[in-house]
PDB file of N, CA and C in Angstrom:
ATOM      1  N   MET A   1     -90.770  23.871  70.966  1.00  0.00           N
ATOM      2  CA  MET A   1     -89.392  23.681  71.610  1.00  0.00           C
ATOM      3  C   MET A   1     -89.678  22.831  72.904  1.00  0.00           C
ATOM      4  N   ILE A   2     -88.652  21.876  73.166  1.00  0.00           N
ATOM      5  CA  ILE A   2     -88.772  20.977  74.220  1.00  0.00           C
ATOM      6  C   ILE A   2     -88.488  21.662  75.565  1.00  0.00           C
ATOM      7  N   ASP A   3     -89.337  21.346  76.574  1.00  0.00           N
ATOM      8  CA  ASP A   3     -89.187  21.908  77.870  1.00  0.00           C
ATOM      9  C   ASP A   3     -88.159  20.905  78.594  1.00  0.00           C
ATOM     10  N   ILE A   4     -86.833  21.444  78.694  1.00  0.00           N
ATOM     11  CA  ILE A   4     -85.783  20.534  79.142  1.00  0.00           C
ATOM     12  C   ILE A   4     -85.848  20.361  80.687  1.00  0.00           C
ATOM     13  N   THR A   5     -86.547  21.163  81.385  1.00  0.00           N
ATOM     14  CA  THR A   5     -86.638  21.078  82.807  1.00  0.00           C
ATOM     15  C   THR A   5     -87.353  19.775  83.322  1.00  0.00           C
ATOM     16  N   LYS A   6     -88.090  19.161  82.339  1.00  0.00           N
ATOM     17  CA  LYS A   6     -88.803  17.928  82.752  1.00  0.00           C
ATOM     18  C   LYS A   6     -88.133  16.646  82.206  1.00  0.00           C
ATOM     19  N   LEU A   7     -86.901  16.824  81.750  1.00  0.00           N
ATOM     20  CA  LEU A   7     -86.195  15.677  81.106  1.00  0.00           C
ATOM     21  C   LEU A   7     -85.093  15.225  82.070  1.00  0.00           C
ATOM     22  N   SER A   8     -84.696  13.969  81.972  1.00  0.00           N
ATOM     23  CA  SER A   8     -83.637  13.374  82.711  1.00  0.00           C
ATOM     24  C   SER A   8     -82.264  14.048  82.336  1.00  0.00           C
ATOM     25  N   GLU A   9     -81.318  13.956  83.096  1.00  0.00           N
ATOM     26  CA  GLU A   9     -79.920  14.533  82.853  1.00  0.00           C
ATOM     27  C   GLU A   9     -79.454  14.173  81.396  1.00  0.00           C
ATOM     28  N   GLU A  10     -79.564  12.901  81.183  1.00  0.00           N
ATOM     29  CA  GLU A  10     -79.068  12.276  79.936  1.00  0.00           C
ATOM     30  C   GLU A  10     -79.862  12.833  78.661  1.00  0.00           C
ATOM     31  N   GLU A  11     -81.157  12.961  78.702  1.00  0.00           N
ATOM     32  CA  GLU A  11     -81.911  13.439  77.674  1.00  0.00           C
ATOM     33  C   GLU A  11     -81.740  14.985  77.675  1.00  0.00           C
ATOM     34  N   ARG A  12     -81.573  15.652  78.716  1.00  0.00           N
ATOM     35  CA  ARG A  12     -81.290  17.109  78.684  1.00  0.00           C
ATOM     36  C   ARG A  12     -79.881  17.282  78.010  1.00  0.00           C
ATOM     37  N   SER A  13     -78.907  16.581  78.291  1.00  0.00           N
ATOM     38  CA  SER A  13     -77.517  16.763  77.675  1.00  0.00           C
ATOM     39  C   SER A  13     -77.678  16.513  76.125  1.00  0.00           C
ATOM     40  N   VAL A  14     -78.551  15.588  75.644  1.00  0.00           N
ATOM     41  CA  VAL A  14     -78.731  15.247  74.263  1.00  0.00           C
ATOM     42  C   VAL A  14     -79.230  16.446  73.582  1.00  0.00           C
ATOM     43  N   VAL A  15     -80.278  17.019  74.158  1.00  0.00           N
ATOM     44  CA  VAL A  15     -81.084  18.126  73.631  1.00  0.00           C
ATOM     45  C   VAL A  15     -80.167  19.338  73.424  1.00  0.00           C
ATOM     46  N   LEU A  16     -79.421  19.581  74.599  1.00  0.00           N
ATOM     47  CA  LEU A  16     -78.528  20.780  74.624  1.00  0.00           C
ATOM     48  C   LEU A  16     -77.425  20.546  73.512  1.00  0.00           C
ATOM     49  N   ALA A  17     -76.841  19.432  73.413  1.00  0.00           N
ATOM     50  CA  ALA A  17     -75.763  19.158  72.364  1.00  0.00           C
ATOM     51  C   ALA A  17     -76.381  19.297  70.928  1.00  0.00           C
ATOM     52  N   ARG A  18     -77.661  18.912  70.745  1.00  0.00           N
ATOM     53  CA  ARG A  18     -78.134  19.060  69.475  1.00  0.00           C
ATOM     54  C   ARG A  18     -78.468  20.502  69.084  1.00  0.00           C
ATOM     55  N   ARG A  19     -78.787  21.276  70.092  1.00  0.00           N
ATOM     56  CA  ARG A  19     -79.003  22.750  69.884  1.00  0.00           C
ATOM     57  C   ARG A  19     -77.732  23.413  69.696  1.00  0.00           C
ATOM     58  N   ALA A  20     -76.696  23.010  70.386  1.00  0.00           N
ATOM     59  CA  ALA A  20     -75.279  23.584  70.157  1.00  0.00           C
ATOM     60  C   ALA A  20     -74.810  23.319  68.706  1.00  0.00           C
ATOM     61  N   TYR A  21     -75.068  22.062  68.300  1.00  0.00           N
ATOM     62  CA  TYR A  21     -74.525  21.683  66.934  1.00  0.00           C
ATOM     63  C   TYR A  21     -75.268  22.547  65.887  1.00  0.00           C
ATOM     64  N   TYR A  22     -76.598  22.573  66.039  1.00  0.00           N
ATOM     65  CA  TYR A  22     -77.317  23.410  64.957  1.00  0.00           C
ATOM     66  C   TYR A  22     -77.099  24.878  64.985  1.00  0.00           C
ATOM     67  N   ARG A  23     -76.844  25.380  66.192  1.00  0.00           N
ATOM     68  CA  ARG A  23     -76.531  26.737  66.443  1.00  0.00           C
ATOM     69  C   ARG A  23     -75.181  26.996  65.631  1.00  0.00           C
ATOM     70  N   GLU A  24     -74.245  26.154  65.827  1.00  0.00           N
ATOM     71  CA  GLU A  24     -72.884  26.291  65.228  1.00  0.00           C
ATOM     72  C   GLU A  24     -73.054  26.157  63.647  1.00  0.00           C
ATOM     73  N   TRP A  25     -73.852  25.116  63.294  1.00  0.00           N
ATOM     74  CA  TRP A  25     -73.963  24.891  61.811  1.00  0.00           C
ATOM     75  C   TRP A  25     -74.640  26.108  61.262  1.00  0.00           C
ATOM     76  N   LYS A  26     -75.659  26.667  61.814  1.00  0.00           N
ATOM     77  CA  LYS A  26     -76.322  27.799  61.205  1.00  0.00           C
ATOM     78  C   LYS A  26     -75.328  29.116  61.217  1.00  0.00           C
ATOM     79  N   ARG A  27     -74.455  29.286  62.137  1.00  0.00           N
ATOM     80  CA  ARG A  27     -73.408  30.278  62.143  1.00  0.00           C
ATOM     81  C   ARG A  27     -72.407  30.003  60.911  1.00  0.00           C
ATOM     82  N   LYS A  28     -71.991  28.860  60.733  1.00  0.00           N
ATOM     83  CA  LYS A  28     -71.187  28.597  59.587  1.00  0.00           C
ATOM     84  C   LYS A  28     -71.733  28.751  58.382  1.00  0.00           C
ATOM     85  N   ASN A  29     -72.955  28.538  58.255  1.00  0.00           N
ATOM     86  CA  ASN A  29     -73.676  28.401  56.912  1.00  0.00           C
ATOM     87  C   ASN A  29     -74.859  29.459  56.837  1.00  0.00           C
ATOM     88  N   ALA A  30     -74.450  30.689  57.243  1.00  0.00           N
ATOM     89  CA  ALA A  30     -75.512  31.660  57.248  1.00  0.00           C
ATOM     90  C   ALA A  30     -76.136  31.947  55.886  1.00  0.00           C
ATOM     91  N   ASP A  31     -75.290  31.849  54.971  1.00  0.00           N
ATOM     92  CA  ASP A  31     -75.833  32.019  53.493  1.00  0.00           C
ATOM     93  C   ASP A  31     -76.862  30.998  53.223  1.00  0.00           C
ATOM     94  N   LYS A  32     -76.693  29.703  53.466  1.00  0.00           N
ATOM     95  CA  LYS A  32     -77.735  28.680  53.266  1.00  0.00           C
ATOM     96  C   LYS A  32     -79.032  28.951  53.991  1.00  0.00           C
ATOM     97  N   VAL A  33     -78.877  29.324  55.322  1.00  0.00           N
ATOM     98  CA  VAL A  33     -79.935  29.701  56.181  1.00  0.00           C
ATOM     99  C   VAL A  33     -80.799  30.922  55.605  1.00  0.00           C
ATOM    100  N   LYS A  34     -80.090  31.924  55.159  1.00  0.00           N
ATOM    101  CA  LYS A  34     -80.728  33.076  54.587  1.00  0.00           C
ATOM    102  C   LYS A  34     -81.433  32.623  53.191  1.00  0.00           C
ATOM    103  N   ASP A  35     -80.815  31.920  52.345  1.00  0.00           N
ATOM    104  CA  ASP A  35     -81.525  31.514  51.190  1.00  0.00           C
ATOM    105  C   ASP A  35     -82.806  30.672  51.471  1.00  0.00           C
ATOM    106  N   THR A  36     -82.682  29.726  52.321  1.00  0.00           N
ATOM    107  CA  THR A  36     -83.885  28.916  52.673  1.00  0.00           C
ATOM    108  C   THR A  36     -84.934  29.744  53.230  1.00  0.00           C
ATOM    109  N   THR A  37     -84.644  30.682  54.151  1.00  0.00           N
ATOM    110  CA  THR A  37     -85.655  31.434  54.810  1.00  0.00           C
ATOM    111  C   THR A  37     -86.262  32.453  53.646  1.00  0.00           C
ATOM    112  N   THR A  38     -85.461  32.973  52.795  1.00  0.00           N
ATOM    113  CA  THR A  38     -85.989  33.817  51.812  1.00  0.00           C
ATOM    114  C   THR A  38     -86.915  33.045  50.902  1.00  0.00           C
ATOM    115  N   ARG A  39     -86.588  31.928  50.459  1.00  0.00           N
ATOM    116  CA  ARG A  39     -87.411  31.027  49.726  1.00  0.00           C
ATOM    117  C   ARG A  39     -88.738  30.696  50.284  1.00  0.00           C
ATOM    118  N   PHE A  40     -88.610  30.345  51.544  1.00  0.00           N
ATOM    119  CA  PHE A  40     -89.844  30.013  52.369  1.00  0.00           C
ATOM    120  C   PHE A  40     -90.791  31.166  52.456  1.00  0.00           C
ATOM    121  N   PHE A  41     -90.339  32.335  52.668  1.00  0.00           N
ATOM    122  CA  PHE A  41     -91.271  33.445  52.862  1.00  0.00           C
ATOM    123  C   PHE A  41     -91.709  33.941  51.360  1.00  0.00           C
ATOM    124  N   LYS A  42     -91.028  33.821  50.397  1.00  0.00           N
ATOM    125  CA  LYS A  42     -91.374  34.134  48.991  1.00  0.00           C
ATOM    126  C   LYS A  42     -92.558  33.255  48.627  1.00  0.00           C
ATOM    127  N   LYS A  43     -92.427  31.945  48.929  1.00  0.00           N
ATOM    128  CA  LYS A  43     -93.453  30.904  48.596  1.00  0.00           C
ATOM    129  C   LYS A  43     -94.801  31.233  49.431  1.00  0.00           C
ATOM    130  N   HIS A  44     -94.533  31.634  50.716  1.00  0.00           N
ATOM    131  CA  HIS A  44     -95.685  31.936  51.574  1.00  0.00           C
ATOM    132  C   HIS A  44     -96.377  33.149  51.188  1.00  0.00           C
ATOM    133  N   ALA A  45     -95.624  34.223  50.742  1.00  0.00           N
ATOM    134  CA  ALA A  45     -96.296  35.485  50.127  1.00  0.00           C
ATOM    135  C   ALA A  45     -96.946  35.200  48.874  1.00  0.00           C
ATOM    136  N   GLU A  46     -96.551  34.294  48.082  1.00  0.00           N
ATOM    137  CA  GLU A  46     -97.141  33.950  46.726  1.00  0.00           C
ATOM    138  C   GLU A  46     -98.540  33.125  47.008  1.00  0.00           C
ATOM    139  N   LYS A  47     -98.362  32.295  48.054  1.00  0.00           N
ATOM    140  CA  LYS A  47     -99.643  31.523  48.451  1.00  0.00           C
ATOM    141  C   LYS A  47    -100.742  32.407  48.990  1.00  0.00           C
ATOM    142  N   LEU A  48    -100.366  33.407  49.940  1.00  0.00           N
ATOM    143  CA  LEU A  48    -101.295  34.349  50.405  1.00  0.00           C
ATOM    144  C   LEU A  48    -101.885  35.178  49.343  1.00  0.00           C
ATOM    145  N   THR A  49    -101.008  35.613  48.398  1.00  0.00           N
ATOM    146  CA  THR A  49    -101.632  36.523  47.293  1.00  0.00           C
ATOM    147  C   THR A  49    -102.558  35.654  46.459  1.00  0.00           C
ATOM    148  N   ALA A  50    -102.214  34.488  46.139  1.00  0.00           N
ATOM    149  CA  ALA A  50    -103.161  33.628  45.396  1.00  0.00           C
ATOM    150  C   ALA A  50    -104.445  33.331  46.001  1.00  0.00           C
ATOM    151  N   GLU A  51    -104.390  33.180  47.379  1.00  0.00           N
ATOM    152  CA  GLU A  51    -105.650  32.921  48.070  1.00  0.00           C
ATOM    153  C   GLU A  51    -106.426  34.145  48.194  1.00  0.00           C
ATOM    154  N   LYS A  52    -105.754  35.300  48.285  1.00  0.00           N
ATOM    155  CA  LYS A  52    -106.480  36.583  48.317  1.00  0.00           C
ATOM    156  C   LYS A  52    -107.182  36.833  46.926  1.00  0.00           C
ATOM    157  N   GLU A  53    -106.575  36.588  45.773  1.00  0.00           N
ATOM    158  CA  GLU A  53    -107.057  36.693  44.484  1.00  0.00           C
ATOM    159  C   GLU A  53    -108.283  35.790  44.263  1.00  0.00           C
ATOM    160  N   ASN A  54    -108.240  34.575  44.799  1.00  0.00           N
ATOM    161  CA  ASN A  54    -109.260  33.630  44.495  1.00  0.00           C
ATOM    162  C   ASN A  54    -110.482  33.771  45.332  1.00  0.00           C
ATOM    163  N   LYS A  55    -110.322  34.602  46.509  1.00  0.00           N
ATOM    164  CA  LYS A  55    -111.342  34.776  47.472  1.00  0.00           C
ATOM    165  C   LYS A  55    -112.434  35.716  46.805  1.00  0.00           C
ATOM    166  N   LYS A  56    -113.631  35.218  47.002  1.00  0.00           N
ATOM    167  CA  LYS A  56    -114.762  35.945  46.441  1.00  0.00           C
ATOM    168  C   LYS A  56    -115.109  37.063  47.508  1.00  0.00           C
ATOM    169  N   PRO A  57    -115.566  38.163  47.034  1.00  0.00           N
ATOM    170  CA  PRO A  57    -115.994  39.273  47.943  1.00  0.00           C
ATOM    171  C   PRO A  57    -117.295  38.888  48.552  1.00  0.00           C
ATOM    172  N   SER A  58    -117.299  39.063  49.896  1.00  0.00           N
ATOM    173  CA  SER A  58    -118.566  38.745  50.639  1.00  0.00           C
ATOM    174  C   SER A  58    -119.506  39.850  50.528  1.00  0.00           C
ATOM    175  N   GLU A  59    -120.625  39.572  50.083  1.00  0.00           N
ATOM    176  CA  GLU A  59    -121.716  40.524  49.950  1.00  0.00           C
ATOM    177  C   GLU A  59    -123.029  39.955  50.330  1.00  0.00           C
TER     178      GLU A  59
END
C-alpha cells in the first residue's frame, strides 16, 4: 500500500479517489469478489497439496 503522507496533494487526491472507486466497485460486485477470492485460494491450496505430495521425506 502506498504511504500517502509522503505524496503531494494532487497525488494524494488521485490515490484516495482510486481507493474510493475500488471500494465502491467491490461493494457493488461482492459476488465477483467472492468468486475470485474463492478461486484464488482453491488454486493455492491445490498447489500446496501438490508440493507436499511431491516433497521427499528428509531422512
